[in-house]
Protein backbone atom coordinates (compact mmCIF):
# COMPACT_ATOMS: atom_id res chain seq x y z
CA UNK A 1 -0.05 0.10 0.05
CA UNK A 2 1.19 3.51 -0.82
CA UNK A 3 1.92 5.61 1.82
CA UNK A 4 0.15 9.42 1.84
CA UNK A 5 3.36 11.17 1.15
CA UNK A 6 3.46 9.64 -2.37
CA UNK A 7 0.02 10.94 -3.00
CA UNK A 8 1.37 14.43 -3.06
CA UNK A 9 3.65 16.07 -5.86
CA UNK A 10 5.15 19.52 -5.80
CA UNK A 11 5.21 20.93 -9.37
CA UNK A 12 3.30 19.01 -11.92
CA UNK A 13 1.65 15.34 -11.95
CA UNK A 14 4.39 13.49 -14.22
CA UNK A 15 5.19 11.12 -11.04
CA UNK A 16 1.85 11.20 -9.41
CA UNK A 17 0.10 9.60 -12.45
CA UNK A 18 2.16 6.62 -12.61
CA UNK A 19 1.09 3.17 -11.23
CA UNK A 20 4.37 3.11 -9.02
CA UNK A 21 6.24 6.37 -8.73
CA UNK A 22 9.75 6.29 -9.13
CA UNK A 23 10.46 7.67 -5.79
CA UNK A 24 8.56 4.99 -4.08
CA UNK A 25 10.42 2.15 -6.19
CA UNK A 26 13.79 3.65 -5.25
CA UNK A 27 13.22 4.15 -1.53
CA UNK A 28 11.69 0.81 -0.95
CA UNK A 29 14.55 -1.01 -2.90
CA UNK A 30 17.14 1.40 -0.84
CA UNK A 31 18.80 2.30 -4.36
CA UNK A 32 21.93 4.57 -4.17
CA UNK A 33 21.67 8.17 -5.47
CA UNK A 34 23.01 7.45 -9.01
CA UNK A 35 20.73 4.48 -9.68
CA UNK A 36 17.83 6.44 -8.39
CA UNK A 37 18.17 9.22 -10.52
CA UNK A 38 18.59 7.37 -13.57
CA UNK A 39 15.41 5.41 -12.80
CA UNK A 40 13.73 8.70 -12.06
CA UNK A 41 14.60 10.37 -15.44
CA UNK A 42 13.89 7.26 -17.45
CA UNK A 43 10.26 7.23 -16.20
CA UNK A 44 9.69 10.86 -16.70
CA UNK A 45 11.20 11.51 -20.16
CA UNK A 46 8.05 11.18 -22.12
CA UNK A 47 6.09 13.33 -19.69
CA UNK A 48 8.62 16.20 -18.92
CA UNK A 49 12.26 16.55 -20.28
CA UNK A 50 12.32 14.23 -23.34
CA UNK A 51 15.61 13.60 -24.72
CA UNK A 52 17.27 15.76 -22.15
CA UNK A 53 16.07 13.59 -19.37
CA UNK A 54 17.33 10.44 -21.38
CA UNK A 55 20.73 12.17 -21.36
CA UNK A 56 20.50 12.78 -17.88
CA UNK A 57 19.80 9.26 -17.28
CA UNK A 58 22.85 8.21 -19.38
CA UNK A 59 24.86 10.67 -17.41
CA UNK A 60 23.96 8.91 -14.11
CA UNK A 61 24.44 5.13 -15.67
CA UNK A 62 27.92 6.50 -16.99
CA UNK A 63 28.64 7.17 -13.23
CA UNK A 64 27.57 3.98 -12.13
CA UNK A 65 29.86 2.21 -14.55
CA UNK A 66 32.85 4.41 -13.60
CA UNK A 67 32.01 3.85 -9.83
CA UNK A 68 31.64 0.01 -9.80
CA UNK A 69 32.90 -1.54 -13.15
CA UNK A 70 35.76 0.67 -14.32
CA UNK A 71 38.60 -1.15 -16.47
CA UNK A 72 41.22 -1.77 -13.76
CA UNK A 73 44.01 -2.35 -16.46
CA UNK A 74 43.23 0.61 -18.58
CA UNK A 75 42.29 3.37 -16.12
CA UNK A 76 44.97 5.22 -14.63
CA UNK A 77 43.16 6.71 -11.49
CA UNK A 78 40.78 3.88 -9.98
CA UNK A 79 38.45 4.87 -7.04
CA UNK A 80 39.83 4.27 -3.73
CA UNK A 81 37.64 2.03 -1.69
CA UNK A 82 36.96 3.33 1.63
CA UNK A 83 39.05 1.36 3.60
CA UNK A 84 42.13 2.28 1.63
CA UNK A 85 41.46 5.80 1.93
CA UNK A 86 40.79 5.61 5.64
CA UNK A 87 44.12 3.72 6.20
CA UNK A 88 46.14 6.58 4.09
CA UNK A 89 44.31 9.24 6.36
CA UNK A 90 45.06 7.48 9.59
CA UNK A 91 48.73 6.91 8.52
CA UNK A 92 49.31 10.64 7.66
CA UNK A 93 47.15 11.64 10.85
CA UNK A 94 49.41 9.32 13.04
CA UNK A 95 52.49 11.42 11.60
CA UNK A 96 50.97 14.57 12.41
CA UNK A 97 49.58 15.68 8.93
CA UNK A 98 46.03 17.13 9.27
CA UNK A 99 44.11 18.86 6.41
CA UNK A 100 47.67 18.48 4.23
CA UNK A 101 49.56 20.49 6.93
CA UNK A 102 52.13 19.52 9.61
CA UNK A 103 52.30 21.03 12.91
CA UNK A 104 56.12 22.03 13.92
CA UNK A 105 56.30 19.58 16.74
CA UNK A 106 54.73 16.64 14.74
CA UNK A 107 57.29 17.67 11.81
CA UNK A 108 60.21 17.21 14.31
CA UNK A 109 59.01 13.89 15.15
CA UNK A 110 58.48 12.85 11.50
CA UNK A 111 61.89 13.87 10.54
CA UNK A 112 63.55 11.83 13.31
CA UNK A 113 61.46 8.83 12.41
CA UNK A 114 62.57 8.96 8.72
CA UNK A 115 66.35 9.64 9.58
CA UNK A 116 68.84 6.89 8.49
CA UNK A 117 69.61 4.99 11.62
CA UNK A 118 73.29 5.35 10.96
CA UNK A 119 73.32 8.99 11.71
């Protein structure tokens, strides 16, 4: 059963007139932002934005492909998974680097750690 929130639409009726609104489908399936927007634009193109809405849907689909299915061998900057990014951040933080800057006291510690053991 559709909740009352989906009976209301601000600005037009291109979603409200559908058997199942894209937003309800997207929310119930807990889809990510890009997937949801691609679905939204595909559903409304005939009633609102025409070819521009289909171009927008393609744009979001391209984002999904880049995010999830990039060619690891031919792409120079693959996206970092969050664990790798977090570990890099933690390593820098532990060295005293915050927002790309090093505090003077932490810089002295950092220099001592990286000196050659023979010096």
